[in-house]
């Protein structure tokens, strides 16, 4: 999938083989030299603009979860349902609450559908860098976990030092992903 902007996403569904890896260690950036000898301060967590720094997010609590599940039970299963979109937006927390509290009030079809959608935790990210002459200079294709900040490097480059592409892909609805790269 290619877009005019050169970035494409596919939500990895159940048909995709699951990509399993050890959790990433927190990334550490070395601060610049302080000029006081010794090469600078000890490594510290990156600046807030760095993709390795966690972004604050509103937490889904148990009461709100129950209210969203009850609302979902009354709504059609369709994109645009505020309850469904909110549950998917809070994917990891929703999965925790489903395991802890269950899906009481949902019929079997809705519960299975929601659990299938919540199991989609990875996206296929494709980025192309193209120069003014239309020549492809770098290509990145990677399966990335949703809601986890990543530092990625294109595997294919043409007469270009591999750039670092960092950011987060987040699910914001049934058929919508958002990225900050």
C-alpha atoms as a PDB file:
ATOM      1  CA  UNK A   1       0.000   0.000   0.000  1.00  0.00           C
ATOM      2  CA  UNK A   2       1.503   3.320  -1.031  1.00  0.00           C
ATOM      3  CA  UNK A   3       0.085   6.721  -0.381  1.00  0.00           C
ATOM      4  CA  UNK A   4       1.000  10.042  -1.910  1.00  0.00           C
ATOM      5  CA  UNK A   5       2.757  10.997   1.303  1.00  0.00           C
ATOM      6  CA  UNK A   6       4.860   7.851   1.255  1.00  0.00           C
ATOM      7  CA  UNK A   7       3.566   6.421   4.522  1.00  0.00           C
ATOM      8  CA  UNK A   8       1.213   3.466   4.691  1.00  0.00           C
ATOM      9  CA  UNK A   9      -0.306   1.392   7.456  1.00  0.00           C
ATOM     10  CA  UNK A  10      -2.064  -1.927   7.661  1.00  0.00           C
ATOM     11  CA  UNK A  11      -3.554  -3.108  10.901  1.00  0.00           C
ATOM     12  CA  UNK A  12      -2.140  -6.545  11.554  1.00  0.00           C
ATOM     13  CA  UNK A  13      -5.077  -8.864  11.996  1.00  0.00           C
ATOM     14  CA  UNK A  14      -5.424 -12.404  13.172  1.00  0.00           C
ATOM     15  CA  UNK A  15      -4.452 -13.704   9.737  1.00  0.00           C
ATOM     16  CA  UNK A  16      -0.958 -12.260  10.220  1.00  0.00           C
ATOM     17  CA  UNK A  17       1.556 -14.426  12.029  1.00  0.00           C
ATOM     18  CA  UNK A  18       2.089 -12.930  15.447  1.00  0.00           C
ATOM     19  CA  UNK A  19       5.415 -11.180  15.777  1.00  0.00           C
ATOM     20  CA  UNK A  20       6.776 -11.973  19.202  1.00  0.00           C
ATOM     21  CA  UNK A  21       9.838 -10.409  20.675  1.00  0.00           C
ATOM     22  CA  UNK A  22      11.167  -9.566  24.075  1.00  0.00           C
ATOM     23  CA  UNK A  23       9.928  -6.229  25.371  1.00  0.00           C
ATOM     24  CA  UNK A  24      12.147  -3.346  24.343  1.00  0.00           C
ATOM     25  CA  UNK A  25      14.490  -1.975  26.962  1.00  0.00           C
ATOM     26  CA  UNK A  26      13.924   1.697  27.699  1.00  0.00           C
ATOM     27  CA  UNK A  27      16.020   3.782  25.329  1.00  0.00           C
ATOM     28  CA  UNK A  28      18.631   6.040  26.844  1.00  0.00           C
ATOM     29  CA  UNK A  29      20.172   9.064  25.161  1.00  0.00           C
ATOM     30  CA  UNK A  30      23.551  10.482  26.088  1.00  0.00           C
ATOM     31  CA  UNK A  31      23.272  14.190  26.809  1.00  0.00           C
ATOM     32  CA  UNK A  32      25.714  16.518  25.045  1.00  0.00           C
ATOM     33  CA  UNK A  33      29.086  17.222  26.621  1.00  0.00           C
ATOM     34  CA  UNK A  34      28.848  19.714  29.462  1.00  0.00           C
ATOM     35  CA  UNK A  35      32.337  21.110  28.986  1.00  0.00           C
ATOM     36  CA  UNK A  36      33.291  20.155  32.574  1.00  0.00           C
ATOM     37  CA  UNK A  37      35.518  17.257  31.632  1.00  0.00           C
ATOM     38  CA  UNK A  38      34.647  13.606  31.751  1.00  0.00           C
ATOM     39  CA  UNK A  39      32.542  13.693  28.577  1.00  0.00           C
ATOM     40  CA  UNK A  40      29.315  14.999  30.048  1.00  0.00           C
ATOM     41  CA  UNK A  41      26.718  13.818  32.514  1.00  0.00           C
ATOM     42  CA  UNK A  42      25.565  10.251  32.941  1.00  0.00           C
ATOM     43  CA  UNK A  43      23.069   8.994  30.360  1.00  0.00           C
ATOM     44  CA  UNK A  44      19.495  10.102  30.996  1.00  0.00           C
ATOM     45  CA  UNK A  45      16.093   9.587  29.477  1.00  0.00           C
ATOM     46  CA  UNK A  46      15.622  11.408  26.180  1.00  0.00           C
ATOM     47  CA  UNK A  47      14.001  14.820  25.859  1.00  0.00           C
ATOM     48  CA  UNK A  48      10.216  14.944  25.677  1.00  0.00           C
ATOM     49  CA  UNK A  49      10.248  15.182  21.888  1.00  0.00           C
ATOM     50  CA  UNK A  50      12.050  11.861  21.590  1.00  0.00           C
ATOM     51  CA  UNK A  51      10.007   8.810  20.664  1.00  0.00           C
ATOM     52  CA  UNK A  52      11.436   6.894  23.630  1.00  0.00           C
ATOM     53  CA  UNK A  53       9.705   9.124  26.185  1.00  0.00           C
ATOM     54  CA  UNK A  54       6.261   7.820  27.161  1.00  0.00           C
ATOM     55  CA  UNK A  55       3.413  10.195  26.422  1.00  0.00           C
ATOM     56  CA  UNK A  56       0.888  10.742  29.193  1.00  0.00           C
ATOM     57  CA  UNK A  57      -2.496   9.230  28.426  1.00  0.00           C
ATOM     58  CA  UNK A  58      -5.863   9.355  30.119  1.00  0.00           C
ATOM     59  CA  UNK A  59      -6.528   6.084  31.906  1.00  0.00           C
ATOM     60  CA  UNK A  60      -9.716   4.096  31.379  1.00  0.00           C
ATOM     61  CA  UNK A  61     -11.159   3.216  34.793  1.00  0.00           C
ATOM     62  CA  UNK A  62     -13.407   0.270  35.670  1.00  0.00           C
ATOM     63  CA  UNK A  63     -16.592   2.353  35.937  1.00  0.00           C
ATOM     64  CA  UNK A  64     -16.057   3.985  32.549  1.00  0.00           C
ATOM     65  CA  UNK A  65     -15.256   0.540  31.070  1.00  0.00           C
ATOM     66  CA  UNK A  66     -18.534  -0.918  32.395  1.00  0.00           C
ATOM     67  CA  UNK A  67     -20.484   2.059  31.022  1.00  0.00           C
ATOM     68  CA  UNK A  68     -18.846   1.692  27.591  1.00  0.00           C
ATOM     69  CA  UNK A  69     -19.581  -2.060  27.476  1.00  0.00           C
ATOM     70  CA  UNK A  70     -23.221  -1.408  28.439  1.00  0.00           C
ATOM     71  CA  UNK A  71     -23.465   1.263  25.742  1.00  0.00           C
ATOM     72  CA  UNK A  72     -21.857  -1.063  23.179  1.00  0.00           C
ATOM     73  CA  UNK A  73     -24.478  -3.707  24.002  1.00  0.00           C
ATOM     74  CA  UNK A  74     -27.191  -1.264  22.834  1.00  0.00           C
ATOM     75  CA  UNK A  75     -25.416   0.080  19.704  1.00  0.00           C
ATOM     76  CA  UNK A  76     -24.952  -1.545  16.307  1.00  0.00           C
ATOM     77  CA  UNK A  77     -21.495  -3.014  15.687  1.00  0.00           C
ATOM     78  CA  UNK A  78     -20.201  -0.391  13.317  1.00  0.00           C
ATOM     79  CA  UNK A  79     -17.402   2.080  12.898  1.00  0.00           C
ATOM     80  CA  UNK A  80     -18.406   5.363  14.414  1.00  0.00           C
ATOM     81  CA  UNK A  81     -19.753   3.888  17.637  1.00  0.00           C
ATOM     82  CA  UNK A  82     -18.289   6.101  20.349  1.00  0.00           C
ATOM     83  CA  UNK A  83     -18.270   3.242  22.845  1.00  0.00           C
ATOM     84  CA  UNK A  84     -16.472   0.863  20.480  1.00  0.00           C
ATOM     85  CA  UNK A  85     -13.968   3.459  19.308  1.00  0.00           C
ATOM     86  CA  UNK A  86     -13.167   4.419  22.919  1.00  0.00           C
ATOM     87  CA  UNK A  87     -12.634   0.791  23.956  1.00  0.00           C
ATOM     88  CA  UNK A  88     -10.297   0.243  20.989  1.00  0.00           C
ATOM     89  CA  UNK A  89      -8.433   3.511  21.646  1.00  0.00           C
ATOM     90  CA  UNK A  90      -7.589   2.269  25.142  1.00  0.00           C
ATOM     91  CA  UNK A  91      -6.551  -1.133  23.718  1.00  0.00           C
ATOM     92  CA  UNK A  92      -4.057  -2.370  26.339  1.00  0.00           C
ATOM     93  CA  UNK A  93      -6.109  -1.087  29.273  1.00  0.00           C
ATOM     94  CA  UNK A  94      -9.325  -2.463  27.736  1.00  0.00           C
ATOM     95  CA  UNK A  95      -7.685  -5.901  27.419  1.00  0.00           C
ATOM     96  CA  UNK A  96      -6.692  -5.734  31.115  1.00  0.00           C
ATOM     97  CA  UNK A  97     -10.230  -4.809  32.143  1.00  0.00           C
ATOM     98  CA  UNK A  98     -11.768  -7.539  29.959  1.00  0.00           C
ATOM     99  CA  UNK A  99      -9.524 -10.103  31.683  1.00  0.00           C
ATOM    100  CA  UNK A 100     -10.359  -8.665  35.122  1.00  0.00           C
ATOM    101  CA  UNK A 101     -14.066  -7.811  34.760  1.00  0.00           C
ATOM    102  CA  UNK A 102     -15.243  -9.737  31.711  1.00  0.00           C
ATOM    103  CA  UNK A 103     -17.785  -8.558  29.148  1.00  0.00           C
ATOM    104  CA  UNK A 104     -21.013  -8.965  31.123  1.00  0.00           C
ATOM    105  CA  UNK A 105     -23.959  -7.597  29.192  1.00  0.00           C
ATOM    106  CA  UNK A 106     -22.568  -8.291  25.716  1.00  0.00           C
ATOM    107  CA  UNK A 107     -24.014 -11.094  23.629  1.00  0.00           C
ATOM    108  CA  UNK A 108     -21.600 -13.767  22.374  1.00  0.00           C
ATOM    109  CA  UNK A 109     -21.308 -12.236  18.885  1.00  0.00           C
ATOM    110  CA  UNK A 110     -20.397  -8.765  20.177  1.00  0.00           C
ATOM    111  CA  UNK A 111     -17.989 -10.150  22.781  1.00  0.00           C
ATOM    112  CA  UNK A 112     -16.199 -12.280  20.163  1.00  0.00           C
ATOM    113  CA  UNK A 113     -16.043  -9.350  17.742  1.00  0.00           C
ATOM    114  CA  UNK A 114     -14.627  -7.000  20.387  1.00  0.00           C
ATOM    115  CA  UNK A 115     -12.052  -9.565  21.528  1.00  0.00           C
ATOM    116  CA  UNK A 116     -10.990 -10.151  17.904  1.00  0.00           C
ATOM    117  CA  UNK A 117     -10.531  -6.418  17.375  1.00  0.00           C
ATOM    118  CA  UNK A 118      -8.611  -6.052  20.652  1.00  0.00           C
ATOM    119  CA  UNK A 119      -6.267  -8.865  19.528  1.00  0.00           C
ATOM    120  CA  UNK A 120      -5.099  -6.690  16.623  1.00  0.00           C
ATOM    121  CA  UNK A 121      -2.087  -5.177  18.371  1.00  0.00           C
ATOM    122  CA  UNK A 122       0.382  -4.593  15.539  1.00  0.00           C
ATOM    123  CA  UNK A 123       0.493  -2.509  12.384  1.00  0.00           C
ATOM    124  CA  UNK A 124       2.548  -2.767   9.224  1.00  0.00           C
ATOM    125  CA  UNK A 125       4.353   0.536   8.763  1.00  0.00           C
ATOM    126  CA  UNK A 126       5.761   1.465   5.355  1.00  0.00           C
ATOM    127  CA  UNK A 127       7.730   4.642   4.767  1.00  0.00           C
ATOM    128  CA  UNK A 128       9.337   5.744   1.494  1.00  0.00           C
ATOM    129  CA  UNK A 129      11.719   8.669   1.082  1.00  0.00           C
ATOM    130  CA  UNK A 130      11.688   9.993  -2.480  1.00  0.00           C
ATOM    131  CA  UNK A 131      13.822  12.848  -3.827  1.00  0.00           C
ATOM    132  CA  UNK A 132      12.639  15.654  -6.123  1.00  0.00           C
ATOM    133  CA  UNK A 133      13.569  13.607  -9.209  1.00  0.00           C
ATOM    134  CA  UNK A 134      11.247  10.823  -8.073  1.00  0.00           C
ATOM    135  CA  UNK A 135      14.045   8.412  -7.098  1.00  0.00           C
ATOM    136  CA  UNK A 136      13.420   6.258  -4.072  1.00  0.00           C
ATOM    137  CA  UNK A 137      16.176   6.982  -1.523  1.00  0.00           C
ATOM    138  CA  UNK A 138      15.058   4.891   1.458  1.00  0.00           C
ATOM    139  CA  UNK A 139      12.410   2.313   2.254  1.00  0.00           C
ATOM    140  CA  UNK A 140      11.281   1.122   5.657  1.00  0.00           C
ATOM    141  CA  UNK A 141       8.812  -1.695   6.192  1.00  0.00           C
ATOM    142  CA  UNK A 142       8.289  -2.958   9.714  1.00  0.00           C
ATOM    143  CA  UNK A 143       5.611  -4.550  11.854  1.00  0.00           C
ATOM    144  CA  UNK A 144       5.317  -2.346  14.887  1.00  0.00           C
ATOM    145  CA  UNK A 145       3.401  -2.795  18.109  1.00  0.00           C
ATOM    146  CA  UNK A 146       0.614  -0.295  18.650  1.00  0.00           C
ATOM    147  CA  UNK A 147       1.065   2.294  21.403  1.00  0.00           C
ATOM    148  CA  UNK A 148       4.784   1.618  21.840  1.00  0.00           C
ATOM    149  CA  UNK A 149       7.342   4.182  20.821  1.00  0.00           C
ATOM    150  CA  UNK A 150       9.908   2.877  18.353  1.00  0.00           C
ATOM    151  CA  UNK A 151      13.261   3.872  16.834  1.00  0.00           C
ATOM    152  CA  UNK A 152      13.472   2.312  13.352  1.00  0.00           C
ATOM    153  CA  UNK A 153      16.050   2.390  10.572  1.00  0.00           C
ATOM    154  CA  UNK A 154      15.275   1.740   6.880  1.00  0.00           C
ATOM    155  CA  UNK A 155      16.841  -1.466   5.619  1.00  0.00           C
ATOM    156  CA  UNK A 156      17.015  -0.294   2.017  1.00  0.00           C
ATOM    157  CA  UNK A 157      18.800   2.955   1.220  1.00  0.00           C
ATOM    158  CA  UNK A 158      20.197   4.276  -2.045  1.00  0.00           C
ATOM    159  CA  UNK A 159      23.106   6.760  -1.802  1.00  0.00           C
ATOM    160  CA  UNK A 160      21.841   7.913   1.579  1.00  0.00           C
ATOM    161  CA  UNK A 161      22.953   7.372   5.143  1.00  0.00           C
ATOM    162  CA  UNK A 162      20.115   5.440   6.825  1.00  0.00           C
ATOM    163  CA  UNK A 163      17.928   7.958   8.652  1.00  0.00           C
ATOM    164  CA  UNK A 164      16.296   7.166  11.966  1.00  0.00           C
ATOM    165  CA  UNK A 165      12.508   7.114  11.935  1.00  0.00           C
ATOM    166  CA  UNK A 166      11.044   7.227  15.404  1.00  0.00           C
ATOM    167  CA  UNK A 167       7.526   7.514  16.657  1.00  0.00           C
ATOM    168  CA  UNK A 168       4.363   5.767  17.740  1.00  0.00           C
ATOM    169  CA  UNK A 169       1.456   4.204  15.864  1.00  0.00           C
ATOM    170  CA  UNK A 170      -1.799   4.256  17.806  1.00  0.00           C
ATOM    171  CA  UNK A 171      -5.181   2.765  17.046  1.00  0.00           C
ATOM    172  CA  UNK A 172      -7.825   5.458  17.303  1.00  0.00           C
ATOM    173  CA  UNK A 173     -10.819   3.571  15.948  1.00  0.00           C
ATOM    174  CA  UNK A 174     -12.111   0.512  14.166  1.00  0.00           C
ATOM    175  CA  UNK A 175     -10.426   1.337  10.853  1.00  0.00           C
ATOM    176  CA  UNK A 176      -8.164   4.219  11.840  1.00  0.00           C
ATOM    177  CA  UNK A 177      -4.555   4.465  12.912  1.00  0.00           C
ATOM    178  CA  UNK A 178      -2.680   7.597  13.947  1.00  0.00           C
ATOM    179  CA  UNK A 179       1.065   8.046  13.833  1.00  0.00           C
ATOM    180  CA  UNK A 180       3.514  10.543  15.190  1.00  0.00           C
ATOM    181  CA  UNK A 181       6.795  10.000  13.349  1.00  0.00           C
END
